[in-house]
N, C-alpha and C. Protein backbone atom coordinates (compact mmCIF):
# COMPACT_ATOMS: atom_id res chain seq x y z
N UNK A 1 33.60 -46.72 0.43
CA UNK A 1 33.99 -46.61 1.84
C UNK A 1 34.92 -47.78 2.20
N UNK A 2 35.96 -47.47 2.94
CA UNK A 2 36.96 -48.48 3.29
C UNK A 2 36.86 -48.83 4.77
N UNK A 3 36.75 -50.13 5.06
CA UNK A 3 36.58 -50.60 6.42
C UNK A 3 37.72 -51.54 6.80
N UNK A 4 38.09 -51.50 8.08
CA UNK A 4 38.98 -52.50 8.67
C UNK A 4 38.13 -53.41 9.55
N UNK A 5 38.25 -54.71 9.35
CA UNK A 5 37.43 -55.67 10.10
C UNK A 5 38.34 -56.70 10.75
N UNK A 6 38.27 -56.80 12.08
CA UNK A 6 39.11 -57.72 12.84
C UNK A 6 38.26 -58.78 13.52
N UNK A 7 38.47 -60.04 13.14
CA UNK A 7 37.67 -61.16 13.66
C UNK A 7 38.48 -62.45 13.51
N UNK A 8 38.61 -63.20 14.61
CA UNK A 8 39.43 -64.42 14.54
C UNK A 8 38.64 -65.67 14.19
N UNK A 9 37.32 -65.61 14.19
CA UNK A 9 36.52 -66.76 13.78
C UNK A 9 36.40 -66.74 12.26
N UNK A 10 37.06 -67.70 11.61
CA UNK A 10 37.18 -67.65 10.16
C UNK A 10 35.84 -67.66 9.43
N UNK A 11 34.93 -68.55 9.85
CA UNK A 11 33.64 -68.63 9.16
C UNK A 11 32.86 -67.33 9.29
N UNK A 12 32.86 -66.76 10.49
CA UNK A 12 32.19 -65.48 10.71
C UNK A 12 32.83 -64.39 9.87
N UNK A 13 34.17 -64.35 9.85
CA UNK A 13 34.88 -63.33 9.09
C UNK A 13 34.55 -63.41 7.61
N UNK A 14 34.54 -64.61 7.06
CA UNK A 14 34.24 -64.77 5.63
C UNK A 14 32.82 -64.31 5.31
N UNK A 15 31.87 -64.64 6.18
CA UNK A 15 30.48 -64.24 5.93
C UNK A 15 30.31 -62.73 5.98
N UNK A 16 30.93 -62.10 6.97
CA UNK A 16 30.80 -60.65 7.11
C UNK A 16 31.49 -59.93 5.95
N UNK A 17 32.68 -60.39 5.58
CA UNK A 17 33.38 -59.76 4.46
C UNK A 17 32.55 -59.89 3.19
N UNK A 18 31.96 -61.06 2.96
CA UNK A 18 31.14 -61.26 1.76
C UNK A 18 29.98 -60.27 1.71
N UNK A 19 29.28 -60.10 2.84
CA UNK A 19 28.11 -59.22 2.83
C UNK A 19 28.52 -57.75 2.70
N UNK A 20 29.63 -57.38 3.33
CA UNK A 20 30.09 -55.99 3.23
C UNK A 20 30.55 -55.68 1.80
N UNK A 21 31.28 -56.60 1.20
CA UNK A 21 31.75 -56.36 -0.16
C UNK A 21 30.59 -56.37 -1.15
N UNK A 22 29.60 -57.20 -0.89
CA UNK A 22 28.41 -57.22 -1.75
C UNK A 22 27.73 -55.85 -1.74
N UNK A 23 27.78 -55.18 -0.59
CA UNK A 23 27.18 -53.84 -0.47
C UNK A 23 28.19 -52.73 -0.76
N UNK A 24 29.24 -53.09 -1.50
CA UNK A 24 30.17 -52.11 -2.10
C UNK A 24 31.15 -51.48 -1.12
N UNK A 25 31.35 -52.10 0.03
CA UNK A 25 32.40 -51.63 0.94
C UNK A 25 33.72 -52.30 0.56
N UNK A 26 34.80 -51.57 0.70
CA UNK A 26 36.14 -52.15 0.56
C UNK A 26 36.59 -52.58 1.95
N UNK A 27 37.00 -53.85 2.10
CA UNK A 27 37.26 -54.38 3.43
C UNK A 27 38.67 -54.97 3.51
N UNK A 28 39.42 -54.54 4.53
CA UNK A 28 40.65 -55.22 4.93
C UNK A 28 40.31 -56.06 6.15
N UNK A 29 40.48 -57.39 6.05
CA UNK A 29 40.13 -58.29 7.16
C UNK A 29 41.39 -58.86 7.79
N UNK A 30 41.45 -58.82 9.11
CA UNK A 30 42.57 -59.39 9.86
C UNK A 30 42.02 -60.29 10.95
N UNK A 31 42.89 -61.15 11.49
CA UNK A 31 42.40 -62.17 12.42
C UNK A 31 42.94 -62.06 13.83
N UNK A 32 43.67 -61.00 14.14
CA UNK A 32 44.12 -60.81 15.52
C UNK A 32 44.30 -59.32 15.81
N UNK A 33 44.40 -59.00 17.10
CA UNK A 33 44.44 -57.61 17.50
C UNK A 33 45.69 -56.86 17.09
N UNK A 34 46.84 -57.53 17.12
CA UNK A 34 48.07 -56.86 16.72
C UNK A 34 48.02 -56.45 15.25
N UNK A 35 47.50 -57.33 14.42
CA UNK A 35 47.37 -57.00 13.00
C UNK A 35 46.40 -55.84 12.81
N UNK A 36 45.30 -55.84 13.57
CA UNK A 36 44.33 -54.75 13.48
C UNK A 36 44.99 -53.42 13.81
N UNK A 37 45.79 -53.40 14.87
CA UNK A 37 46.46 -52.16 15.27
C UNK A 37 47.44 -51.71 14.19
N UNK A 38 48.20 -52.64 13.64
CA UNK A 38 49.16 -52.30 12.59
C UNK A 38 48.45 -51.73 11.36
N UNK A 39 47.38 -52.37 10.93
CA UNK A 39 46.65 -51.90 9.75
C UNK A 39 46.07 -50.51 10.00
N UNK A 40 45.50 -50.30 11.19
CA UNK A 40 44.88 -49.01 11.51
C UNK A 40 45.91 -47.90 11.54
N UNK A 41 47.14 -48.24 11.90
CA UNK A 41 48.19 -47.22 11.98
C UNK A 41 48.71 -46.80 10.61
N UNK A 42 48.72 -47.73 9.66
CA UNK A 42 49.38 -47.42 8.39
C UNK A 42 48.41 -47.09 7.27
N UNK A 43 47.12 -47.33 7.46
CA UNK A 43 46.14 -47.04 6.42
C UNK A 43 45.04 -46.14 6.96
N UNK A 44 44.35 -45.49 6.04
CA UNK A 44 43.23 -44.62 6.42
C UNK A 44 41.92 -45.35 6.15
N UNK A 45 41.08 -45.45 7.19
CA UNK A 45 39.80 -46.15 7.08
C UNK A 45 38.65 -45.21 7.41
N UNK A 46 37.50 -45.48 6.81
CA UNK A 46 36.29 -44.74 7.14
C UNK A 46 35.63 -45.29 8.40
N UNK A 47 35.86 -46.56 8.71
CA UNK A 47 35.31 -47.18 9.90
C UNK A 47 36.08 -48.44 10.25
N UNK A 48 36.05 -48.81 11.52
CA UNK A 48 36.74 -50.01 12.02
C UNK A 48 35.75 -50.87 12.79
N UNK A 49 35.74 -52.17 12.49
CA UNK A 49 34.90 -53.13 13.21
C UNK A 49 35.82 -54.08 13.96
N UNK A 50 35.70 -54.12 15.29
CA UNK A 50 36.59 -54.92 16.12
C UNK A 50 35.81 -55.94 16.94
N UNK A 51 36.18 -57.21 16.81
CA UNK A 51 35.68 -58.20 17.75
C UNK A 51 36.42 -58.00 19.07
N UNK A 52 35.73 -58.08 20.18
CA UNK A 52 36.38 -57.87 21.47
C UNK A 52 37.35 -58.99 21.79
N UNK A 53 36.93 -60.23 21.59
CA UNK A 53 37.76 -61.38 21.96
C UNK A 53 38.61 -61.82 20.77
N UNK A 54 39.89 -61.44 20.79
CA UNK A 54 40.82 -61.82 19.73
C UNK A 54 42.16 -62.21 20.33
N UNK A 55 42.94 -63.04 19.63
CA UNK A 55 44.28 -63.37 20.11
C UNK A 55 45.23 -62.18 20.00
N UNK A 56 46.30 -62.25 20.77
CA UNK A 56 47.40 -61.27 20.77
C UNK A 56 47.02 -59.95 21.42
N UNK A 57 45.96 -59.31 20.96
CA UNK A 57 45.41 -58.13 21.62
C UNK A 57 43.91 -58.20 21.50
N UNK A 58 43.21 -57.85 22.56
CA UNK A 58 41.75 -57.82 22.47
C UNK A 58 41.29 -56.58 21.70
N UNK A 59 40.04 -56.61 21.27
CA UNK A 59 39.49 -55.44 20.60
C UNK A 59 39.52 -54.21 21.50
N UNK A 60 39.30 -54.41 22.79
CA UNK A 60 39.34 -53.28 23.72
C UNK A 60 40.74 -52.69 23.82
N UNK A 61 41.75 -53.55 23.83
CA UNK A 61 43.14 -53.06 23.88
C UNK A 61 43.49 -52.30 22.61
N UNK A 62 43.05 -52.81 21.47
CA UNK A 62 43.30 -52.12 20.20
C UNK A 62 42.62 -50.75 20.21
N UNK A 63 41.36 -50.72 20.62
CA UNK A 63 40.62 -49.47 20.69
C UNK A 63 41.30 -48.47 21.60
N UNK A 64 41.70 -48.92 22.78
CA UNK A 64 42.35 -48.03 23.75
C UNK A 64 43.63 -47.43 23.17
N UNK A 65 44.45 -48.26 22.52
CA UNK A 65 45.70 -47.77 21.96
C UNK A 65 45.46 -46.79 20.82
N UNK A 66 44.49 -47.08 19.97
CA UNK A 66 44.20 -46.17 18.86
C UNK A 66 43.74 -44.80 19.36
N UNK A 67 42.88 -44.80 20.37
CA UNK A 67 42.41 -43.52 20.89
C UNK A 67 43.55 -42.75 21.57
N UNK A 68 44.45 -43.46 22.25
CA UNK A 68 45.60 -42.80 22.86
C UNK A 68 46.48 -42.15 21.81
N UNK A 69 46.53 -42.77 20.63
CA UNK A 69 47.38 -42.26 19.55
C UNK A 69 46.69 -41.18 18.73
N UNK A 70 45.48 -40.83 19.11
CA UNK A 70 44.78 -39.75 18.42
C UNK A 70 43.92 -40.17 17.25
N UNK A 71 43.72 -41.47 17.06
CA UNK A 71 42.88 -41.94 15.96
C UNK A 71 41.41 -41.65 16.27
N UNK A 72 40.74 -40.95 15.36
CA UNK A 72 39.33 -40.58 15.55
C UNK A 72 38.38 -41.40 14.67
N UNK A 73 38.91 -42.39 13.96
CA UNK A 73 38.07 -43.22 13.09
C UNK A 73 36.99 -43.90 13.93
N UNK A 74 35.73 -43.88 13.50
CA UNK A 74 34.67 -44.52 14.28
C UNK A 74 34.89 -46.03 14.39
N UNK A 75 34.56 -46.56 15.56
CA UNK A 75 34.79 -47.98 15.85
C UNK A 75 33.49 -48.63 16.30
N UNK A 76 33.16 -49.76 15.68
CA UNK A 76 32.03 -50.61 16.08
C UNK A 76 32.60 -51.86 16.72
N UNK A 77 32.20 -52.12 17.97
CA UNK A 77 32.67 -53.31 18.69
C UNK A 77 31.67 -54.45 18.54
N UNK A 78 32.20 -55.65 18.34
CA UNK A 78 31.38 -56.86 18.35
C UNK A 78 31.64 -57.58 19.66
N UNK A 79 30.60 -57.73 20.48
CA UNK A 79 30.76 -58.30 21.82
C UNK A 79 29.92 -59.57 21.97
N UNK A 80 30.33 -60.39 22.94
CA UNK A 80 29.51 -61.56 23.28
C UNK A 80 28.19 -61.07 23.86
N UNK A 81 27.14 -61.85 23.65
CA UNK A 81 25.79 -61.41 23.97
C UNK A 81 25.63 -60.96 25.42
N UNK A 82 26.28 -61.67 26.36
CA UNK A 82 26.05 -61.39 27.78
C UNK A 82 27.14 -60.54 28.42
N UNK A 83 28.12 -60.08 27.65
CA UNK A 83 29.23 -59.35 28.23
C UNK A 83 28.94 -57.85 28.31
N UNK A 84 28.09 -57.49 29.25
CA UNK A 84 27.72 -56.08 29.42
C UNK A 84 28.93 -55.24 29.79
N UNK A 85 29.84 -55.82 30.60
CA UNK A 85 31.00 -55.06 31.04
C UNK A 85 31.87 -54.65 29.86
N UNK A 86 31.99 -55.54 28.87
CA UNK A 86 32.78 -55.21 27.68
C UNK A 86 32.18 -54.02 26.94
N UNK A 87 30.86 -53.99 26.86
CA UNK A 87 30.19 -52.89 26.16
C UNK A 87 30.43 -51.57 26.88
N UNK A 88 30.29 -51.60 28.20
CA UNK A 88 30.49 -50.38 28.99
C UNK A 88 31.93 -49.90 28.86
N UNK A 89 32.88 -50.83 29.01
CA UNK A 89 34.29 -50.45 28.91
C UNK A 89 34.60 -49.92 27.51
N UNK A 90 34.05 -50.57 26.48
CA UNK A 90 34.30 -50.13 25.12
C UNK A 90 33.81 -48.73 24.86
N UNK A 91 32.60 -48.42 25.33
CA UNK A 91 32.06 -47.06 25.15
C UNK A 91 32.89 -46.05 25.92
N UNK A 92 33.34 -46.43 27.11
CA UNK A 92 34.18 -45.53 27.90
C UNK A 92 35.53 -45.28 27.22
N UNK A 93 36.02 -46.27 26.46
CA UNK A 93 37.31 -46.13 25.78
C UNK A 93 37.20 -45.35 24.47
N UNK A 94 35.96 -45.10 24.03
CA UNK A 94 35.80 -44.30 22.82
C UNK A 94 35.16 -45.02 21.66
N UNK A 95 34.57 -46.20 21.89
CA UNK A 95 33.83 -46.87 20.81
C UNK A 95 32.60 -46.04 20.45
N UNK A 96 32.22 -46.09 19.18
CA UNK A 96 31.05 -45.35 18.72
C UNK A 96 29.77 -46.15 18.85
N UNK A 97 29.88 -47.48 18.83
CA UNK A 97 28.69 -48.34 18.91
C UNK A 97 29.16 -49.75 19.21
N UNK A 98 28.22 -50.61 19.57
CA UNK A 98 28.54 -52.03 19.76
C UNK A 98 27.39 -52.86 19.23
N UNK A 99 27.72 -54.11 18.91
CA UNK A 99 26.73 -55.05 18.41
C UNK A 99 27.00 -56.39 19.05
N UNK A 100 25.98 -56.97 19.69
CA UNK A 100 26.16 -58.23 20.40
C UNK A 100 26.02 -59.41 19.44
N UNK A 101 26.90 -60.40 19.62
CA UNK A 101 26.82 -61.65 18.85
C UNK A 101 25.84 -62.61 19.53
N UNK A 102 25.15 -63.42 18.77
CA UNK A 102 25.06 -63.43 17.30
C UNK A 102 24.16 -62.31 16.82
N UNK A 103 24.43 -61.83 15.62
CA UNK A 103 23.66 -60.71 15.08
C UNK A 103 23.18 -61.03 13.67
N UNK A 104 22.13 -60.34 13.27
CA UNK A 104 21.64 -60.46 11.90
C UNK A 104 22.49 -59.56 11.01
N UNK A 105 22.78 -60.03 9.81
CA UNK A 105 23.60 -59.25 8.89
C UNK A 105 22.95 -57.90 8.57
N UNK A 106 21.63 -57.88 8.51
CA UNK A 106 20.94 -56.62 8.25
C UNK A 106 21.21 -55.60 9.33
N UNK A 107 21.26 -56.05 10.58
CA UNK A 107 21.54 -55.12 11.67
C UNK A 107 22.99 -54.65 11.61
N UNK A 108 23.91 -55.54 11.27
CA UNK A 108 25.30 -55.13 11.11
C UNK A 108 25.42 -54.03 10.06
N UNK A 109 24.77 -54.22 8.92
CA UNK A 109 24.82 -53.22 7.86
C UNK A 109 24.24 -51.88 8.32
N UNK A 110 23.14 -51.94 9.07
CA UNK A 110 22.52 -50.72 9.57
C UNK A 110 23.46 -50.00 10.53
N UNK A 111 24.14 -50.75 11.41
CA UNK A 111 25.07 -50.12 12.35
C UNK A 111 26.25 -49.50 11.61
N UNK A 112 26.74 -50.18 10.59
CA UNK A 112 27.85 -49.64 9.81
C UNK A 112 27.43 -48.35 9.10
N UNK A 113 26.24 -48.35 8.50
CA UNK A 113 25.76 -47.13 7.82
C UNK A 113 25.64 -45.97 8.80
N UNK A 114 25.09 -46.25 9.99
CA UNK A 114 24.94 -45.19 10.99
C UNK A 114 26.30 -44.66 11.43
N UNK A 115 27.25 -45.56 11.62
CA UNK A 115 28.59 -45.17 12.03
C UNK A 115 29.24 -44.27 10.98
N UNK A 116 29.08 -44.63 9.73
CA UNK A 116 29.70 -43.85 8.65
C UNK A 116 29.00 -42.52 8.44
N UNK A 117 27.69 -42.47 8.69
CA UNK A 117 26.98 -41.18 8.59
C UNK A 117 27.50 -40.21 9.64
N UNK A 118 27.75 -40.71 10.84
CA UNK A 118 28.27 -39.83 11.89
C UNK A 118 29.64 -39.30 11.50
N UNK A 119 30.43 -40.13 10.84
CA UNK A 119 31.76 -39.67 10.42
C UNK A 119 31.62 -38.57 9.36
N UNK A 120 30.69 -38.75 8.42
CA UNK A 120 30.50 -37.75 7.37
C UNK A 120 30.01 -36.43 7.95
N UNK A 121 29.23 -36.50 9.04
CA UNK A 121 28.72 -35.28 9.66
C UNK A 121 29.74 -34.60 10.54
N UNK A 122 30.82 -35.31 10.87
CA UNK A 122 31.84 -34.78 11.77
C UNK A 122 32.59 -33.62 11.11
N UNK A 123 32.74 -32.54 11.83
CA UNK A 123 33.53 -31.41 11.35
C UNK A 123 34.73 -31.23 12.27
N UNK A 124 35.92 -31.51 11.76
CA UNK A 124 37.09 -31.51 12.63
C UNK A 124 37.42 -30.14 13.20
N UNK A 125 38.02 -30.14 14.36
CA UNK A 125 38.48 -28.92 15.01
C UNK A 125 39.85 -28.59 14.45
N UNK A 126 39.89 -27.75 13.42
CA UNK A 126 41.15 -27.40 12.77
C UNK A 126 42.01 -26.59 13.73
N UNK A 127 43.26 -27.03 13.90
CA UNK A 127 44.19 -26.32 14.77
C UNK A 127 45.06 -25.42 13.90
N UNK A 128 45.25 -24.19 14.35
CA UNK A 128 46.01 -23.23 13.56
C UNK A 128 47.12 -22.59 14.38
N UNK A 129 48.15 -22.16 13.65
CA UNK A 129 49.24 -21.40 14.26
C UNK A 129 49.88 -20.58 13.14
N UNK A 130 49.92 -19.26 13.30
CA UNK A 130 50.51 -18.44 12.26
C UNK A 130 49.83 -18.70 10.92
N UNK A 131 50.61 -19.11 9.93
CA UNK A 131 50.07 -19.34 8.59
C UNK A 131 49.78 -20.82 8.31
N UNK A 132 49.82 -21.69 9.33
CA UNK A 132 49.60 -23.12 9.10
C UNK A 132 48.31 -23.58 9.76
N UNK A 133 47.74 -24.64 9.19
CA UNK A 133 46.55 -25.29 9.74
C UNK A 133 46.81 -26.78 9.81
N UNK A 134 46.28 -27.42 10.85
CA UNK A 134 46.45 -28.87 11.04
C UNK A 134 45.07 -29.49 11.18
N UNK A 135 44.74 -30.40 10.27
CA UNK A 135 43.42 -31.01 10.21
C UNK A 135 43.46 -32.39 10.87
N UNK A 136 42.76 -32.58 12.01
CA UNK A 136 42.81 -33.87 12.72
C UNK A 136 42.04 -34.98 12.02
N UNK A 137 41.25 -34.63 11.01
CA UNK A 137 40.49 -35.63 10.27
C UNK A 137 41.33 -36.21 9.13
N UNK A 138 41.99 -35.33 8.38
CA UNK A 138 42.76 -35.77 7.21
C UNK A 138 44.26 -35.87 7.49
N UNK A 139 44.70 -35.35 8.67
CA UNK A 139 46.13 -35.30 9.02
C UNK A 139 46.91 -34.38 8.08
N UNK A 140 46.22 -33.43 7.46
CA UNK A 140 46.87 -32.49 6.55
C UNK A 140 47.45 -31.31 7.30
N UNK A 141 48.69 -30.99 7.00
CA UNK A 141 49.33 -29.76 7.44
C UNK A 141 49.35 -28.85 6.22
N UNK A 142 48.74 -27.68 6.33
CA UNK A 142 48.61 -26.82 5.16
C UNK A 142 49.04 -25.39 5.45
N UNK A 143 49.45 -24.74 4.36
CA UNK A 143 49.79 -23.32 4.39
C UNK A 143 49.31 -22.74 3.07
N UNK A 144 48.29 -21.87 3.12
CA UNK A 144 47.71 -21.36 1.89
C UNK A 144 47.12 -22.50 1.08
N UNK A 145 47.54 -22.60 -0.18
CA UNK A 145 47.01 -23.66 -1.04
C UNK A 145 47.95 -24.86 -1.14
N UNK A 146 48.94 -24.92 -0.26
CA UNK A 146 49.89 -26.05 -0.26
C UNK A 146 49.67 -26.88 1.00
N UNK A 147 49.69 -28.19 0.84
CA UNK A 147 49.40 -29.07 1.98
C UNK A 147 50.17 -30.38 1.84
N UNK A 148 50.36 -31.03 2.98
CA UNK A 148 51.00 -32.34 3.00
C UNK A 148 50.30 -33.18 4.06
N UNK A 149 50.11 -34.46 3.78
CA UNK A 149 49.51 -35.37 4.75
C UNK A 149 50.63 -35.94 5.63
N UNK A 150 50.51 -35.76 6.93
CA UNK A 150 51.55 -36.20 7.86
C UNK A 150 51.31 -37.63 8.32
N UNK A 151 52.37 -38.43 8.43
CA UNK A 151 52.25 -39.71 9.14
C UNK A 151 51.86 -39.45 10.60
N UNK A 152 51.35 -40.48 11.26
CA UNK A 152 50.76 -40.29 12.59
C UNK A 152 51.70 -39.64 13.61
N UNK A 153 52.94 -40.11 13.69
CA UNK A 153 53.84 -39.55 14.70
C UNK A 153 54.19 -38.10 14.39
N UNK A 154 54.37 -37.77 13.12
CA UNK A 154 54.63 -36.38 12.76
C UNK A 154 53.41 -35.52 13.09
N UNK A 155 52.22 -36.05 12.79
CA UNK A 155 51.00 -35.31 13.12
C UNK A 155 50.92 -35.04 14.62
N UNK A 156 51.17 -36.07 15.43
CA UNK A 156 51.04 -35.92 16.88
C UNK A 156 52.06 -34.91 17.42
N UNK A 157 53.27 -34.94 16.87
CA UNK A 157 54.26 -33.97 17.35
C UNK A 157 53.86 -32.55 16.96
N UNK A 158 53.40 -32.36 15.72
CA UNK A 158 52.97 -31.02 15.31
C UNK A 158 51.78 -30.56 16.15
N UNK A 159 50.86 -31.45 16.44
CA UNK A 159 49.72 -31.10 17.27
C UNK A 159 50.16 -30.64 18.65
N UNK A 160 51.10 -31.36 19.24
CA UNK A 160 51.61 -31.00 20.57
C UNK A 160 52.28 -29.63 20.53
N UNK A 161 53.05 -29.37 19.49
CA UNK A 161 53.72 -28.07 19.38
C UNK A 161 52.72 -26.93 19.22
N UNK A 162 51.67 -27.16 18.43
CA UNK A 162 50.65 -26.12 18.25
C UNK A 162 49.88 -25.88 19.55
N UNK A 163 49.51 -26.95 20.23
CA UNK A 163 48.72 -26.81 21.46
C UNK A 163 49.53 -26.16 22.58
N UNK A 164 50.86 -26.28 22.50
CA UNK A 164 51.73 -25.69 23.53
C UNK A 164 52.47 -24.47 22.99
N UNK A 165 51.77 -23.69 22.18
CA UNK A 165 52.37 -22.50 21.56
C UNK A 165 52.98 -21.58 22.61
N UNK A 166 54.17 -21.10 22.30
CA UNK A 166 54.84 -20.17 23.21
C UNK A 166 55.57 -20.85 24.35
N UNK A 167 55.47 -22.17 24.45
CA UNK A 167 56.09 -22.90 25.55
C UNK A 167 57.21 -23.79 25.00
N UNK A 168 58.37 -23.74 25.63
CA UNK A 168 59.44 -24.65 25.25
C UNK A 168 59.16 -26.03 25.86
N UNK A 169 59.20 -27.04 25.01
CA UNK A 169 59.01 -28.42 25.46
C UNK A 169 60.34 -29.16 25.34
N UNK A 170 60.75 -29.78 26.41
CA UNK A 170 62.00 -30.53 26.37
C UNK A 170 61.84 -31.78 25.51
N UNK A 171 62.98 -32.38 25.16
CA UNK A 171 62.92 -33.63 24.40
C UNK A 171 62.16 -34.70 25.16
N UNK A 172 62.33 -34.71 26.48
CA UNK A 172 61.62 -35.69 27.32
C UNK A 172 60.12 -35.43 27.32
N UNK A 173 59.73 -34.14 27.34
CA UNK A 173 58.31 -33.79 27.27
C UNK A 173 57.70 -34.33 25.97
N UNK A 174 58.39 -34.08 24.85
CA UNK A 174 57.87 -34.52 23.56
C UNK A 174 57.84 -36.04 23.47
N UNK A 175 58.85 -36.68 24.01
CA UNK A 175 58.89 -38.14 24.00
C UNK A 175 57.67 -38.71 24.72
N UNK A 176 57.34 -38.12 25.86
CA UNK A 176 56.21 -38.59 26.65
C UNK A 176 54.88 -38.29 25.98
N UNK A 177 54.73 -37.07 25.44
CA UNK A 177 53.45 -36.65 24.87
C UNK A 177 53.17 -37.31 23.52
N UNK A 178 54.21 -37.58 22.74
CA UNK A 178 54.03 -38.12 21.40
C UNK A 178 54.08 -39.64 21.38
N UNK A 179 55.08 -40.21 22.05
CA UNK A 179 55.24 -41.67 22.02
C UNK A 179 54.57 -42.38 23.19
N UNK A 180 54.36 -41.67 24.30
CA UNK A 180 53.72 -42.28 25.46
C UNK A 180 54.71 -42.79 26.49
N UNK A 181 54.19 -43.05 27.68
CA UNK A 181 55.04 -43.46 28.80
C UNK A 181 55.76 -44.77 28.55
N UNK A 182 55.09 -45.70 27.91
CA UNK A 182 55.61 -47.07 27.81
C UNK A 182 56.41 -47.34 26.55
N UNK A 183 56.69 -46.32 25.77
CA UNK A 183 57.38 -46.52 24.50
C UNK A 183 58.86 -46.82 24.71
N UNK A 184 59.43 -47.57 23.78
CA UNK A 184 60.87 -47.86 23.79
C UNK A 184 61.66 -46.80 23.03
N UNK A 185 60.97 -45.80 22.47
CA UNK A 185 61.66 -44.75 21.71
C UNK A 185 62.58 -43.96 22.64
N UNK A 186 63.66 -43.42 22.07
CA UNK A 186 64.59 -42.61 22.86
C UNK A 186 64.63 -41.18 22.34
N UNK A 187 65.46 -40.36 22.97
CA UNK A 187 65.49 -38.94 22.65
C UNK A 187 65.93 -38.70 21.21
N UNK A 188 66.68 -39.63 20.64
CA UNK A 188 67.08 -39.51 19.25
C UNK A 188 65.90 -39.47 18.31
N UNK A 189 64.81 -40.16 18.67
CA UNK A 189 63.60 -40.14 17.85
C UNK A 189 63.01 -38.74 17.79
N UNK A 190 63.07 -38.01 18.88
CA UNK A 190 62.55 -36.63 18.91
C UNK A 190 63.33 -35.78 17.93
N UNK A 191 64.66 -35.88 17.95
CA UNK A 191 65.47 -35.07 17.04
C UNK A 191 65.13 -35.39 15.59
N UNK A 192 64.95 -36.67 15.29
CA UNK A 192 64.65 -37.08 13.91
C UNK A 192 63.31 -36.49 13.46
N UNK A 193 62.28 -36.55 14.31
CA UNK A 193 60.96 -36.07 13.92
C UNK A 193 60.89 -34.55 13.90
N UNK A 194 61.65 -33.89 14.73
CA UNK A 194 61.76 -32.43 14.62
C UNK A 194 62.33 -32.06 13.25
N UNK A 195 63.34 -32.79 12.82
CA UNK A 195 63.92 -32.55 11.50
C UNK A 195 62.91 -32.78 10.40
N UNK A 196 62.11 -33.86 10.51
CA UNK A 196 61.07 -34.13 9.52
C UNK A 196 60.09 -32.95 9.43
N UNK A 197 59.66 -32.47 10.59
CA UNK A 197 58.65 -31.40 10.59
C UNK A 197 59.21 -30.08 10.06
N UNK A 198 60.46 -29.81 10.34
CA UNK A 198 61.07 -28.60 9.77
C UNK A 198 61.05 -28.66 8.24
N UNK A 199 61.33 -29.84 7.70
CA UNK A 199 61.30 -29.99 6.24
C UNK A 199 59.88 -29.86 5.71
N UNK A 200 58.90 -30.38 6.47
CA UNK A 200 57.49 -30.25 6.05
C UNK A 200 57.08 -28.78 6.00
N UNK A 201 57.44 -28.04 7.03
CA UNK A 201 57.09 -26.61 7.08
C UNK A 201 57.73 -25.85 5.92
N UNK A 202 58.98 -26.14 5.66
CA UNK A 202 59.66 -25.50 4.54
C UNK A 202 59.02 -25.90 3.21
N UNK A 203 58.65 -27.17 3.10
CA UNK A 203 58.09 -27.68 1.86
C UNK A 203 56.77 -27.05 1.48
N UNK A 204 55.96 -26.64 2.48
CA UNK A 204 54.67 -26.01 2.17
C UNK A 204 54.76 -24.49 2.18
N UNK A 205 55.98 -23.99 2.34
CA UNK A 205 56.19 -22.54 2.25
C UNK A 205 55.77 -21.77 3.47
N UNK A 206 55.76 -22.40 4.62
CA UNK A 206 55.34 -21.71 5.84
C UNK A 206 56.45 -20.84 6.41
N UNK A 207 56.05 -19.75 7.04
CA UNK A 207 57.02 -18.91 7.74
C UNK A 207 57.17 -19.34 9.20
N UNK A 208 56.39 -20.32 9.63
CA UNK A 208 56.51 -20.85 10.99
C UNK A 208 57.72 -21.77 11.07
N UNK A 209 58.39 -21.73 12.19
CA UNK A 209 59.60 -22.54 12.37
C UNK A 209 59.59 -23.19 13.75
N UNK A 210 60.33 -24.27 13.87
CA UNK A 210 60.51 -24.92 15.17
C UNK A 210 61.88 -24.49 15.70
N UNK A 211 61.86 -23.69 16.76
CA UNK A 211 63.09 -23.19 17.36
C UNK A 211 63.59 -24.17 18.43
N UNK A 212 64.89 -24.28 18.53
CA UNK A 212 65.50 -25.09 19.58
C UNK A 212 66.34 -24.19 20.47
N UNK A 213 66.23 -24.39 21.77
CA UNK A 213 67.07 -23.66 22.73
C UNK A 213 67.84 -24.69 23.54
N UNK A 214 69.16 -24.60 23.50
CA UNK A 214 70.02 -25.59 24.14
C UNK A 214 69.65 -25.80 25.61
N UNK A 215 69.53 -27.07 25.98
CA UNK A 215 69.24 -27.49 27.35
C UNK A 215 67.84 -27.07 27.83
N UNK A 216 67.02 -26.54 26.93
CA UNK A 216 65.65 -26.15 27.31
C UNK A 216 64.63 -26.93 26.49
N UNK A 217 64.67 -26.82 25.17
CA UNK A 217 63.71 -27.59 24.37
C UNK A 217 63.35 -26.95 23.05
N UNK A 218 62.13 -27.22 22.61
CA UNK A 218 61.65 -26.79 21.30
C UNK A 218 60.33 -26.07 21.43
N UNK A 219 60.08 -25.11 20.52
CA UNK A 219 58.77 -24.51 20.44
C UNK A 219 58.52 -24.01 19.02
N UNK A 220 57.26 -23.87 18.68
CA UNK A 220 56.84 -23.36 17.37
C UNK A 220 56.79 -21.84 17.43
N UNK A 221 57.39 -21.19 16.44
CA UNK A 221 57.41 -19.73 16.40
C UNK A 221 57.08 -19.23 15.01
N UNK A 222 56.59 -18.00 14.95
CA UNK A 222 56.40 -17.32 13.66
C UNK A 222 57.63 -16.46 13.39
N UNK A 223 58.14 -16.54 12.17
CA UNK A 223 59.29 -15.71 11.82
C UNK A 223 58.85 -14.27 11.60
């Protein structure tokens, strides 16, 4: 099992990594929130452990951004003992569990095992359109026995197109739904990712296509 662990207290981080690796977990450890977000975006993890109080971005900010981007990886928050508000906010943002500091290593291990069991029991809501399926757990786009794992932005755009079947979405609509309100991305990014997805669909042999209508937008269609 592969875990991402974000903690800025070096001694604490070393102790936790040692105990997790001793129990056969593979651990990527980072020391600030921005690094945690970057790692979570580019790698696939079975679970994420976030300290709430970190430099650059707090654990809560990292959690909020990951959930906005569609990340469903279970998250365990490490909070200060008396910070009840952090626990409430974290659960509201989509955390799966929390553990107050200081904690016993045995309890940390138990929380991690419980978190990973819930992930194993999770059955994703497969989204389908025509001859294609999109798996929100593995990020696989498949057609018959052929499949490809999509990077996050390609996955999010395909998901938006499937969920809005039959509806033309403008470039601005896609920019907002895929990249978010506060992104610096421009309309050129939409064109590039539409091109990527067309190649993905062709590559897996799908008869589904992304149609473009001038001055209106894009939609997914069956040929």
